Amino acid sequence: NFLGGEDFSAVLLDALATEHAINLEALPSSERAQLT
């Protein structure tokens, strides 16, 4: 019940954040939604 396309997108988002040193938790919600 907790495995779907959104989880594959989350892997990409985490990899992007790691490679470019982006603090996802510190992003404003609108910027986080745009990035997603």
Full PDB file with SEQRES, HELIX, SHEET, SSBOND, CRYST1, ORIGX, SCALE, CONECT and MASTER records, all heavy atoms in Angstrom:
SEQRES   1 A   36  ASN PHE LEU GLY GLY GLU ASP PHE SER ALA VAL LEU LEU          
SEQRES   2 A   36  ASP ALA LEU ALA THR GLU HIS ALA ILE ASN LEU GLU ALA          
SEQRES   3 A   36  LEU PRO SER SER GLU ARG ALA GLN LEU THR                      
HELIX    1 AA1 GLY A    5  GLU A   19  1                                  15    
HELIX    2 AA2 LEU A   24  ALA A   26  5                                   3    
HELIX    3 AA3 SER A   29  LEU A   35  1                                   7    
CRYST1    1.000    1.000    1.000  90.00  90.00  90.00 P 1           1          
ORIGX1      1.000000  0.000000  0.000000        0.00000                         
ORIGX2      0.000000  1.000000  0.000000        0.00000                         
ORIGX3      0.000000  0.000000  1.000000        0.00000                         
SCALE1      1.000000  0.000000  0.000000        0.00000                         
SCALE2      0.000000  1.000000  0.000000        0.00000                         
SCALE3      0.000000  0.000000  1.000000        0.00000                         
ATOM      1  N   ASN A   1       0.803  -1.224   0.000  1.00  0.00           N  
ATOM      2  CA  ASN A   1       0.000   0.000   0.000  1.00  0.00           C  
ATOM      3  C   ASN A   1       0.835   1.274   0.000  1.00  0.00           C  
ATOM      4  O   ASN A   1       0.290   2.365  -0.125  1.00  0.00           O  
ATOM      5  CB  ASN A   1      -0.919   0.028   1.229  1.00  0.00           C  
ATOM      6  CG  ASN A   1      -2.211  -0.714   0.992  1.00  0.00           C  
ATOM      7  OD1 ASN A   1      -2.475  -1.175  -0.116  1.00  0.00           O  
ATOM      8  ND2 ASN A   1      -3.017  -0.861   2.022  1.00  0.00           N  
ATOM      9  N   PHE A   2       2.148   1.150   0.152  1.00  0.00           N  
ATOM     10  CA  PHE A   2       2.997   2.335   0.213  1.00  0.00           C  
ATOM     11  C   PHE A   2       4.135   2.244  -0.797  1.00  0.00           C  
ATOM     12  O   PHE A   2       5.265   2.606  -0.520  1.00  0.00           O  
ATOM     13  CB  PHE A   2       3.536   2.522   1.640  1.00  0.00           C  
ATOM     14  CG  PHE A   2       2.447   2.840   2.625  1.00  0.00           C  
ATOM     15  CD1 PHE A   2       1.830   1.823   3.339  1.00  0.00           C  
ATOM     16  CD2 PHE A   2       2.013   4.135   2.803  1.00  0.00           C  
ATOM     17  CE1 PHE A   2       0.799   2.105   4.234  1.00  0.00           C  
ATOM     18  CE2 PHE A   2       0.986   4.431   3.688  1.00  0.00           C  
ATOM     19  CZ  PHE A   2       0.382   3.422   4.407  1.00  0.00           C  
ATOM     20  N   LEU A   3       3.793   1.770  -1.992  1.00  0.00           N  
ATOM     21  CA  LEU A   3       4.753   1.700  -3.085  1.00  0.00           C  
ATOM     22  C   LEU A   3       4.026   2.067  -4.375  1.00  0.00           C  
ATOM     23  O   LEU A   3       3.099   1.377  -4.792  1.00  0.00           O  
ATOM     24  CB  LEU A   3       5.340   0.284  -3.190  1.00  0.00           C  
ATOM     25  CG  LEU A   3       6.296   0.021  -4.356  1.00  0.00           C  
ATOM     26  CD1 LEU A   3       7.486   0.950  -4.302  1.00  0.00           C  
ATOM     27  CD2 LEU A   3       6.744  -1.437  -4.365  1.00  0.00           C  
ATOM     28  N   GLY A   4       4.449   3.169  -4.985  1.00  0.00           N  
ATOM     29  CA  GLY A   4       3.801   3.613  -6.216  1.00  0.00           C  
ATOM     30  C   GLY A   4       4.687   4.596  -6.961  1.00  0.00           C  
ATOM     31  O   GLY A   4       5.843   4.854  -6.580  1.00  0.00           O  
ATOM     32  N   GLY A   5       4.148   5.152  -8.025  1.00  0.00           N  
ATOM     33  CA  GLY A   5       4.910   6.087  -8.847  1.00  0.00           C  
ATOM     34  C   GLY A   5       5.451   7.267  -8.066  1.00  0.00           C  
ATOM     35  O   GLY A   5       6.540   7.781  -8.371  1.00  0.00           O  
ATOM     36  N   GLU A   6       4.718   7.706  -7.036  1.00  0.00           N  
ATOM     37  CA  GLU A   6       5.181   8.829  -6.223  1.00  0.00           C  
ATOM     38  C   GLU A   6       6.487   8.502  -5.506  1.00  0.00           C  
ATOM     39  O   GLU A   6       7.308   9.382  -5.252  1.00  0.00           O  
ATOM     40  CB  GLU A   6       4.108   9.212  -5.199  1.00  0.00           C  
ATOM     41  CG  GLU A   6       2.833   9.769  -5.807  1.00  0.00           C  
ATOM     42  CD  GLU A   6       3.038  11.122  -6.472  1.00  0.00           C  
ATOM     43  OE1 GLU A   6       3.917  11.875  -6.001  1.00  0.00           O  
ATOM     44  OE2 GLU A   6       2.338  11.419  -7.453  1.00  0.00           O  
ATOM     45  N   ASP A   7       6.680   7.231  -5.160  1.00  0.00           N  
ATOM     46  CA  ASP A   7       7.912   6.834  -4.470  1.00  0.00           C  
ATOM     47  C   ASP A   7       9.108   6.870  -5.416  1.00  0.00           C  
ATOM     48  O   ASP A   7      10.225   7.191  -5.006  1.00  0.00           O  
ATOM     49  CB  ASP A   7       7.736   5.440  -3.869  1.00  0.00           C  
ATOM     50  CG  ASP A   7       6.614   5.412  -2.848  1.00  0.00           C  
ATOM     51  OD1 ASP A   7       6.811   5.936  -1.748  1.00  0.00           O  
ATOM     52  OD2 ASP A   7       5.527   4.900  -3.177  1.00  0.00           O  
ATOM     53  N   PHE A   8       8.889   6.571  -6.695  1.00  0.00           N  
ATOM     54  CA  PHE A   8       9.961   6.682  -7.682  1.00  0.00           C  
ATOM     55  C   PHE A   8      10.327   8.149  -7.898  1.00  0.00           C  
ATOM     56  O   PHE A   8      11.497   8.491  -8.063  1.00  0.00           O  
ATOM     57  CB  PHE A   8       9.545   6.017  -8.991  1.00  0.00           C  
ATOM     58  CG  PHE A   8       9.500   4.515  -8.927  1.00  0.00           C  
ATOM     59  CD1 PHE A   8       8.400   3.854  -8.386  1.00  0.00           C  
ATOM     60  CD2 PHE A   8      10.562   3.755  -9.394  1.00  0.00           C  
ATOM     61  CE1 PHE A   8       8.363   2.465  -8.308  1.00  0.00           C  
ATOM     62  CE2 PHE A   8      10.533   2.362  -9.323  1.00  0.00           C  
ATOM     63  CZ  PHE A   8       9.434   1.720  -8.781  1.00  0.00           C  
ATOM     64  N   SER A   9       9.311   9.026  -7.874  1.00  0.00           N  
ATOM     65  CA  SER A   9       9.581  10.462  -7.979  1.00  0.00           C  
ATOM     66  C   SER A   9      10.356  10.952  -6.759  1.00  0.00           C  
ATOM     67  O   SER A   9      11.257  11.795  -6.875  1.00  0.00           O  
ATOM     68  CB  SER A   9       8.260  11.239  -8.093  1.00  0.00           C  
ATOM     69  OG  SER A   9       7.547  10.876  -9.250  1.00  0.00           O  
ATOM     70  N   ALA A  10      10.012  10.414  -5.590  1.00  0.00           N  
ATOM     71  CA  ALA A  10      10.707  10.819  -4.363  1.00  0.00           C  
ATOM     72  C   ALA A  10      12.180  10.432  -4.413  1.00  0.00           C  
ATOM     73  O   ALA A  10      13.037  11.162  -3.889  1.00  0.00           O  
ATOM     74  CB  ALA A  10      10.020  10.187  -3.150  1.00  0.00           C  
ATOM     75  N   VAL A  11      12.503   9.283  -5.029  1.00  0.00           N  
ATOM     76  CA  VAL A  11      13.908   8.881  -5.186  1.00  0.00           C  
ATOM     77  C   VAL A  11      14.660   9.922  -6.006  1.00  0.00           C  
ATOM     78  O   VAL A  11      15.786  10.322  -5.672  1.00  0.00           O  
ATOM     79  CB  VAL A  11      14.000   7.488  -5.845  1.00  0.00           C  
ATOM     80  CG1 VAL A  11      15.417   7.200  -6.323  1.00  0.00           C  
ATOM     81  CG2 VAL A  11      13.548   6.415  -4.869  1.00  0.00           C  
ATOM     82  N   LEU A  12      14.043  10.374  -7.095  1.00  0.00           N  
ATOM     83  CA  LEU A  12      14.667  11.403  -7.924  1.00  0.00           C  
ATOM     84  C   LEU A  12      14.862  12.701  -7.137  1.00  0.00           C  
ATOM     85  O   LEU A  12      15.919  13.339  -7.215  1.00  0.00           O  
ATOM     86  CB  LEU A  12      13.805  11.680  -9.159  1.00  0.00           C  
ATOM     87  CG  LEU A  12      13.931  10.736 -10.352  1.00  0.00           C  
ATOM     88  CD1 LEU A  12      12.981  11.177 -11.453  1.00  0.00           C  
ATOM     89  CD2 LEU A  12      15.358  10.720 -10.876  1.00  0.00           C  
ATOM     90  N   LEU A  13      13.839  13.087  -6.397  1.00  0.00           N  
ATOM     91  CA  LEU A  13      13.896  14.332  -5.634  1.00  0.00           C  
ATOM     92  C   LEU A  13      15.024  14.276  -4.605  1.00  0.00           C  
ATOM     93  O   LEU A  13      15.796  15.233  -4.448  1.00  0.00           O  
ATOM     94  CB  LEU A  13      12.551  14.578  -4.951  1.00  0.00           C  
ATOM     95  CG  LEU A  13      12.362  15.927  -4.241  1.00  0.00           C  
ATOM     96  CD1 LEU A  13      12.508  17.074  -5.222  1.00  0.00           C  
ATOM     97  CD2 LEU A  13      10.993  15.977  -3.563  1.00  0.00           C  
ATOM     98  N   ASP A  14      15.148  13.152  -3.918  1.00  0.00           N  
ATOM     99  CA  ASP A  14      16.210  12.994  -2.921  1.00  0.00           C  
ATOM    100  C   ASP A  14      17.594  13.004  -3.572  1.00  0.00           C  
ATOM    101  O   ASP A  14      18.548  13.580  -3.030  1.00  0.00           O  
ATOM    102  CB  ASP A  14      16.010  11.700  -2.132  1.00  0.00           C  
ATOM    103  CG  ASP A  14      14.814  11.767  -1.198  1.00  0.00           C  
ATOM    104  OD1 ASP A  14      14.358  12.886  -0.902  1.00  0.00           O  
ATOM    105  OD2 ASP A  14      14.321  10.691  -0.778  1.00  0.00           O  
ATOM    106  N   ALA A  15      17.711  12.355  -4.737  1.00  0.00           N  
ATOM    107  CA  ALA A  15      19.004  12.330  -5.432  1.00  0.00           C  
ATOM    108  C   ALA A  15      19.402  13.735  -5.885  1.00  0.00           C  
ATOM    109  O   ALA A  15      20.570  14.136  -5.766  1.00  0.00           O  
ATOM    110  CB  ALA A  15      18.940  11.383  -6.629  1.00  0.00           C  
ATOM    111  N   LEU A  16      18.431  14.474  -6.402  1.00  0.00           N  
ATOM    112  CA  LEU A  16      18.694  15.857  -6.819  1.00  0.00           C  
ATOM    113  C   LEU A  16      19.135  16.705  -5.627  1.00  0.00           C  
ATOM    114  O   LEU A  16      20.105  17.465  -5.709  1.00  0.00           O  
ATOM    115  CB  LEU A  16      17.435  16.450  -7.451  1.00  0.00           C  
ATOM    116  CG  LEU A  16      17.461  17.953  -7.756  1.00  0.00           C  
ATOM    117  CD1 LEU A  16      18.514  18.266  -8.822  1.00  0.00           C  
ATOM    118  CD2 LEU A  16      16.079  18.428  -8.212  1.00  0.00           C  
ATOM    119  N   ALA A  17      18.421  16.562  -4.520  1.00  0.00           N  
ATOM    120  CA  ALA A  17      18.745  17.345  -3.320  1.00  0.00           C  
ATOM    121  C   ALA A  17      20.134  17.006  -2.801  1.00  0.00           C  
ATOM    122  O   ALA A  17      20.891  17.890  -2.383  1.00  0.00           O  
ATOM    123  CB  ALA A  17      17.693  17.092  -2.242  1.00  0.00           C  
ATOM    124  N   THR A  18      20.500  15.719  -2.830  1.00  0.00           N  
ATOM    125  CA  THR A  18      21.815  15.300  -2.349  1.00  0.00           C  
ATOM    126  C   THR A  18      22.928  15.842  -3.239  1.00  0.00           C  
ATOM    127  O   THR A  18      23.939  16.379  -2.750  1.00  0.00           O  
ATOM    128  CB  THR A  18      21.893  13.761  -2.292  1.00  0.00           C  
ATOM    129  OG1 THR A  18      20.896  13.276  -1.391  1.00  0.00           O  
ATOM    130  CG2 THR A  18      23.259  13.311  -1.821  1.00  0.00           C  
ATOM    131  N   GLU A  19      22.733  15.717  -4.559  1.00  0.00           N  
ATOM    132  CA  GLU A  19      23.790  16.123  -5.495  1.00  0.00           C  
ATOM    133  C   GLU A  19      24.022  17.625  -5.490  1.00  0.00           C  
ATOM    134  O   GLU A  19      25.141  18.092  -5.679  1.00  0.00           O  
ATOM    135  CB  GLU A  19      23.430  15.638  -6.895  1.00  0.00           C  
ATOM    136  CG  GLU A  19      24.558  15.803  -7.903  1.00  0.00           C  
ATOM    137  CD  GLU A  19      24.295  15.025  -9.186  1.00  0.00           C  
ATOM    138  OE1 GLU A  19      23.716  13.931  -9.109  1.00  0.00           O  
ATOM    139  OE2 GLU A  19      24.684  15.515 -10.261  1.00  0.00           O  
ATOM    140  N   HIS A  20      22.953  18.406  -5.266  1.00  0.00           N  
ATOM    141  CA  HIS A  20      23.077  19.858  -5.327  1.00  0.00           C  
ATOM    142  C   HIS A  20      22.937  20.523  -3.960  1.00  0.00           C  
ATOM    143  O   HIS A  20      22.728  21.730  -3.877  1.00  0.00           O  
ATOM    144  CB  HIS A  20      22.036  20.425  -6.299  1.00  0.00           C  
ATOM    145  CG  HIS A  20      22.313  20.092  -7.740  1.00  0.00           C  
ATOM    146  ND1 HIS A  20      23.234  20.777  -8.496  1.00  0.00           N  
ATOM    147  CD2 HIS A  20      21.808  19.128  -8.547  1.00  0.00           C  
ATOM    148  CE1 HIS A  20      23.282  20.268  -9.714  1.00  0.00           C  
ATOM    149  NE2 HIS A  20      22.417  19.261  -9.771  1.00  0.00           N  
ATOM    150  N   ALA A  21      23.019  19.724  -2.896  1.00  0.00           N  
ATOM    151  CA  ALA A  21      22.996  20.258  -1.523  1.00  0.00           C  
ATOM    152  C   ALA A  21      21.781  21.164  -1.284  1.00  0.00           C  
ATOM    153  O   ALA A  21      21.905  22.291  -0.804  1.00  0.00           O  
ATOM    154  CB  ALA A  21      24.296  21.005  -1.229  1.00  0.00           C  
ATOM    155  N   ILE A  22      20.589  20.644  -1.639  1.00  0.00           N  
ATOM    156  CA  ILE A  22      19.341  21.384  -1.412  1.00  0.00           C  
ATOM    157  C   ILE A  22      18.706  20.885  -0.123  1.00  0.00           C  
ATOM    158  O   ILE A  22      18.498  19.676   0.048  1.00  0.00           O  
ATOM    159  CB  ILE A  22      18.356  21.188  -2.588  1.00  0.00           C  
ATOM    160  CG1 ILE A  22      18.986  21.662  -3.900  1.00  0.00           C  
ATOM    161  CG2 ILE A  22      17.049  21.920  -2.320  1.00  0.00           C  
ATOM    162  CD1 ILE A  22      18.175  21.279  -5.130  1.00  0.00           C  
ATOM    163  N   ASN A  23      18.392  21.777   0.776  1.00  0.00           N  
ATOM    164  CA  ASN A  23      17.704  21.415   2.018  1.00  0.00           C  
ATOM    165  C   ASN A  23      16.199  21.446   1.754  1.00  0.00           C  
ATOM    166  O   ASN A  23      15.569  22.508   1.802  1.00  0.00           O  
ATOM    167  CB  ASN A  23      18.079  22.382   3.138  1.00  0.00           C  
ATOM    168  CG  ASN A  23      17.479  21.966   4.478  1.00  0.00           C  
ATOM    169  OD1 ASN A  23      16.644  21.055   4.541  1.00  0.00           O  
ATOM    170  ND2 ASN A  23      17.896  22.623   5.542  1.00  0.00           N  
ATOM    171  N   LEU A  24      15.641  20.290   1.449  1.00  0.00           N  
ATOM    172  CA  LEU A  24      14.225  20.225   1.084  1.00  0.00           C  
ATOM    173  C   LEU A  24      13.319  20.703   2.214  1.00  0.00           C  
ATOM    174  O   LEU A  24      12.293  21.342   1.976  1.00  0.00           O  
ATOM    175  CB  LEU A  24      13.846  18.796   0.682  1.00  0.00           C  
ATOM    176  CG  LEU A  24      14.529  18.247  -0.581  1.00  0.00           C  
ATOM    177  CD1 LEU A  24      14.182  16.780  -0.774  1.00  0.00           C  
ATOM    178  CD2 LEU A  24      14.117  19.054  -1.806  1.00  0.00           C  
ATOM    179  N   GLU A  25      13.690  20.389   3.453  1.00  0.00           N  
ATOM    180  CA  GLU A  25      12.848  20.757   4.591  1.00  0.00           C  
ATOM    181  C   GLU A  25      12.780  22.264   4.772  1.00  0.00           C  
ATOM    182  O   GLU A  25      11.797  22.794   5.305  1.00  0.00           O  
ATOM    183  CB  GLU A  25      13.377  20.102   5.871  1.00  0.00           C  
ATOM    184  CG  GLU A  25      13.371  18.578   5.853  1.00  0.00           C  
ATOM    185  CD  GLU A  25      11.976  18.018   5.639  1.00  0.00           C  
ATOM    186  OE1 GLU A  25      11.027  18.604   6.191  1.00  0.00           O  
ATOM    187  OE2 GLU A  25      11.841  17.000   4.930  1.00  0.00           O  
ATOM    188  N   ALA A  26      13.830  22.967   4.342  1.00  0.00           N  
ATOM    189  CA  ALA A  26      13.871  24.424   4.539  1.00  0.00           C  
ATOM    190  C   ALA A  26      13.184  25.197   3.420  1.00  0.00           C  
ATOM    191  O   ALA A  26      12.985  26.415   3.535  1.00  0.00           O  
ATOM    192  CB  ALA A  26      15.323  24.882   4.657  1.00  0.00           C  
ATOM    193  N   LEU A  27      12.809  24.512   2.342  1.00  0.00           N  
ATOM    194  CA  LEU A  27      12.175  25.210   1.217  1.00  0.00           C  
ATOM    195  C   LEU A  27      10.767  25.676   1.580  1.00  0.00           C  
ATOM    196  O   LEU A  27      10.025  24.955   2.263  1.00  0.00           O  
ATOM    197  CB  LEU A  27      12.086  24.289   0.004  1.00  0.00           C  
ATOM    198  CG  LEU A  27      13.382  23.920  -0.721  1.00  0.00           C  
ATOM    199  CD1 LEU A  27      13.082  22.983  -1.879  1.00  0.00           C  
ATOM    200  CD2 LEU A  27      14.090  25.167  -1.226  1.00  0.00           C  
ATOM    201  N   PRO A  28      10.354  26.859   1.119  1.00  0.00           N  
ATOM    202  CA  PRO A  28       8.946  27.255   1.269  1.00  0.00           C  
ATOM    203  C   PRO A  28       8.044  26.240   0.569  1.00  0.00           C  
ATOM    204  O   PRO A  28       8.449  25.617  -0.419  1.00  0.00           O  
ATOM    205  CB  PRO A  28       8.892  28.628   0.578  1.00  0.00           C  
ATOM    206  CG  PRO A  28      10.306  29.095   0.514  1.00  0.00           C  
ATOM    207  CD  PRO A  28      11.164  27.865   0.431  1.00  0.00           C  
ATOM    208  N   SER A  29       6.831  26.089   1.073  1.00  0.00           N  
ATOM    209  CA  SER A  29       5.938  25.059   0.527  1.00  0.00           C  
ATOM    210  C   SER A  29       5.664  25.264  -0.955  1.00  0.00           C  
ATOM    211  O   SER A  29       5.575  24.291  -1.714  1.00  0.00           O  
ATOM    212  CB  SER A  29       4.624  25.031   1.317  1.00  0.00           C  
ATOM    213  OG  SER A  29       4.028  26.314   1.342  1.00  0.00           O  
ATOM    214  N   SER A  30       5.560  26.507  -1.400  1.00  0.00           N  
ATOM    215  CA  SER A  30       5.286  26.746  -2.823  1.00  0.00           C  
ATOM    216  C   SER A  30       6.479  26.335  -3.681  1.00  0.00           C  
ATOM    217  O   SER A  30       6.317  25.752  -4.755  1.00  0.00           O  
ATOM    218  CB  SER A  30       4.957  28.223  -3.069  1.00  0.00           C  
ATOM    219  OG  SER A  30       6.040  29.050  -2.667  1.00  0.00           O  
ATOM    220  N   GLU A  31       7.696  26.611  -3.189  1.00  0.00           N  
ATOM    221  CA  GLU A  31       8.893  26.238  -3.942  1.00  0.00           C  
ATOM    222  C   GLU A  31       9.072  24.724  -3.943  1.00  0.00           C  
ATOM    223  O   GLU A  31       9.506  24.133  -4.935  1.00  0.00           O  
ATOM    224  CB  GLU A  31      10.111  26.939  -3.336  1.00  0.00           C  
ATOM    225  CG  GLU A  31      11.271  27.056  -4.308  1.00  0.00           C  
ATOM    226  CD  GLU A  31      12.324  28.045  -3.832  1.00  0.00           C  
ATOM    227  OE1 GLU A  31      12.085  28.765  -2.849  1.00  0.00           O  
ATOM    228  OE2 GLU A  31      13.401  28.087  -4.465  1.00  0.00           O  
ATOM    229  N   ARG A  32       8.734  24.085  -2.815  1.00  0.00           N  
ATOM    230  CA  ARG A  32       8.817  22.625  -2.740  1.00  0.00           C  
ATOM    231  C   ARG A  32       7.818  21.987  -3.710  1.00  0.00           C  
ATOM    232  O   ARG A  32       8.144  21.019  -4.410  1.00  0.00           O  
ATOM    233  CB  ARG A  32       8.512  22.177  -1.308  1.00  0.00           C  
ATOM    234  CG  ARG A  32       8.413  20.663  -1.087  1.00  0.00           C  
ATOM    235  CD  ARG A  32       9.751  19.983  -1.150  1.00  0.00           C  
ATOM    236  NE  ARG A  32       9.621  18.534  -0.962  1.00  0.00           N  
ATOM    237  CZ  ARG A  32       9.825  17.917   0.190  1.00  0.00           C  
ATOM    238  NH1 ARG A  32      10.180  18.608   1.262  1.00  0.00           N  
ATOM    239  NH2 ARG A  32       9.695  16.607   0.278  1.00  0.00           N  
ATOM    240  N   ALA A  33       6.595  22.526  -3.779  1.00  0.00           N  
ATOM    241  CA  ALA A  33       5.584  21.991  -4.698  1.00  0.00           C  
ATOM    242  C   ALA A  33       6.012  22.172  -6.147  1.00  0.00           C  
ATOM    243  O   ALA A  33       5.820  21.279  -6.985  1.00  0.00           O  
ATOM    244  CB  ALA A  33       4.239  22.675  -4.453  1.00  0.00           C  
ATOM    245  N   GLN A  34       6.615  23.325  -6.451  1.00  0.00           N  
ATOM    246  CA  GLN A  34       7.087  23.577  -7.808  1.00  0.00           C  
ATOM    247  C   GLN A  34       8.205  22.605  -8.181  1.00  0.00           C  
ATOM    248  O   GLN A  34       8.218  22.041  -9.285  1.00  0.00           O  
ATOM    249  CB  GLN A  34       7.595  25.012  -7.914  1.00  0.00           C  
ATOM    250  CG  GLN A  34       8.140  25.379  -9.294  1.00  0.00           C  
ATOM    251  CD  GLN A  34       8.614  26.820  -9.343  1.00  0.00           C  
ATOM    252  OE1 GLN A  34       8.149  27.651  -8.571  1.00  0.00           O  
ATOM    253  NE2 GLN A  34       9.546  27.128 -10.235  1.00  0.00           N  
ATOM    254  N   LEU A  35       9.126  22.364  -7.240  1.00  0.00           N  
ATOM    255  CA  LEU A  35      10.225  21.430  -7.487  1.00  0.00           C  
ATOM    256  C   LEU A  35       9.696  20.016  -7.697  1.00  0.00           C  
ATOM    257  O   LEU A  35      10.146  19.290  -8.599  1.00  0.00           O  
ATOM    258  CB  LEU A  35      11.203  21.465  -6.314  1.00  0.00           C  
ATOM    259  CG  LEU A  35      12.423  20.540  -6.403  1.00  0.00           C  
ATOM    260  CD1 LEU A  35      13.252  20.859  -7.633  1.00  0.00           C  
ATOM    261  CD2 LEU A  35      13.269  20.647  -5.137  1.00  0.00           C  
ATOM    262  N   THR A  36       8.709  19.611  -6.896  1.00  0.00           N  
ATOM    263  CA  THR A  36       8.125  18.279  -7.029  1.00  0.00           C  
ATOM    264  C   THR A  36       7.501  18.101  -8.406  1.00  0.00           C  
ATOM    265  O   THR A  36       7.648  17.053  -9.048  1.00  0.00           O  
ATOM    266  CB  THR A  36       7.069  18.050  -5.932  1.00  0.00           C  
ATOM    267  OG1 THR A  36       7.696  18.168  -4.650  1.00  0.00           O  
ATOM    268  CG2 THR A  36       6.433  16.679  -6.060  1.00  0.00           C  
TER     269      THR A  36                                                      
MASTER        0    0    0    3    0    0    0    6  268    1    0    3          
END                                                                             
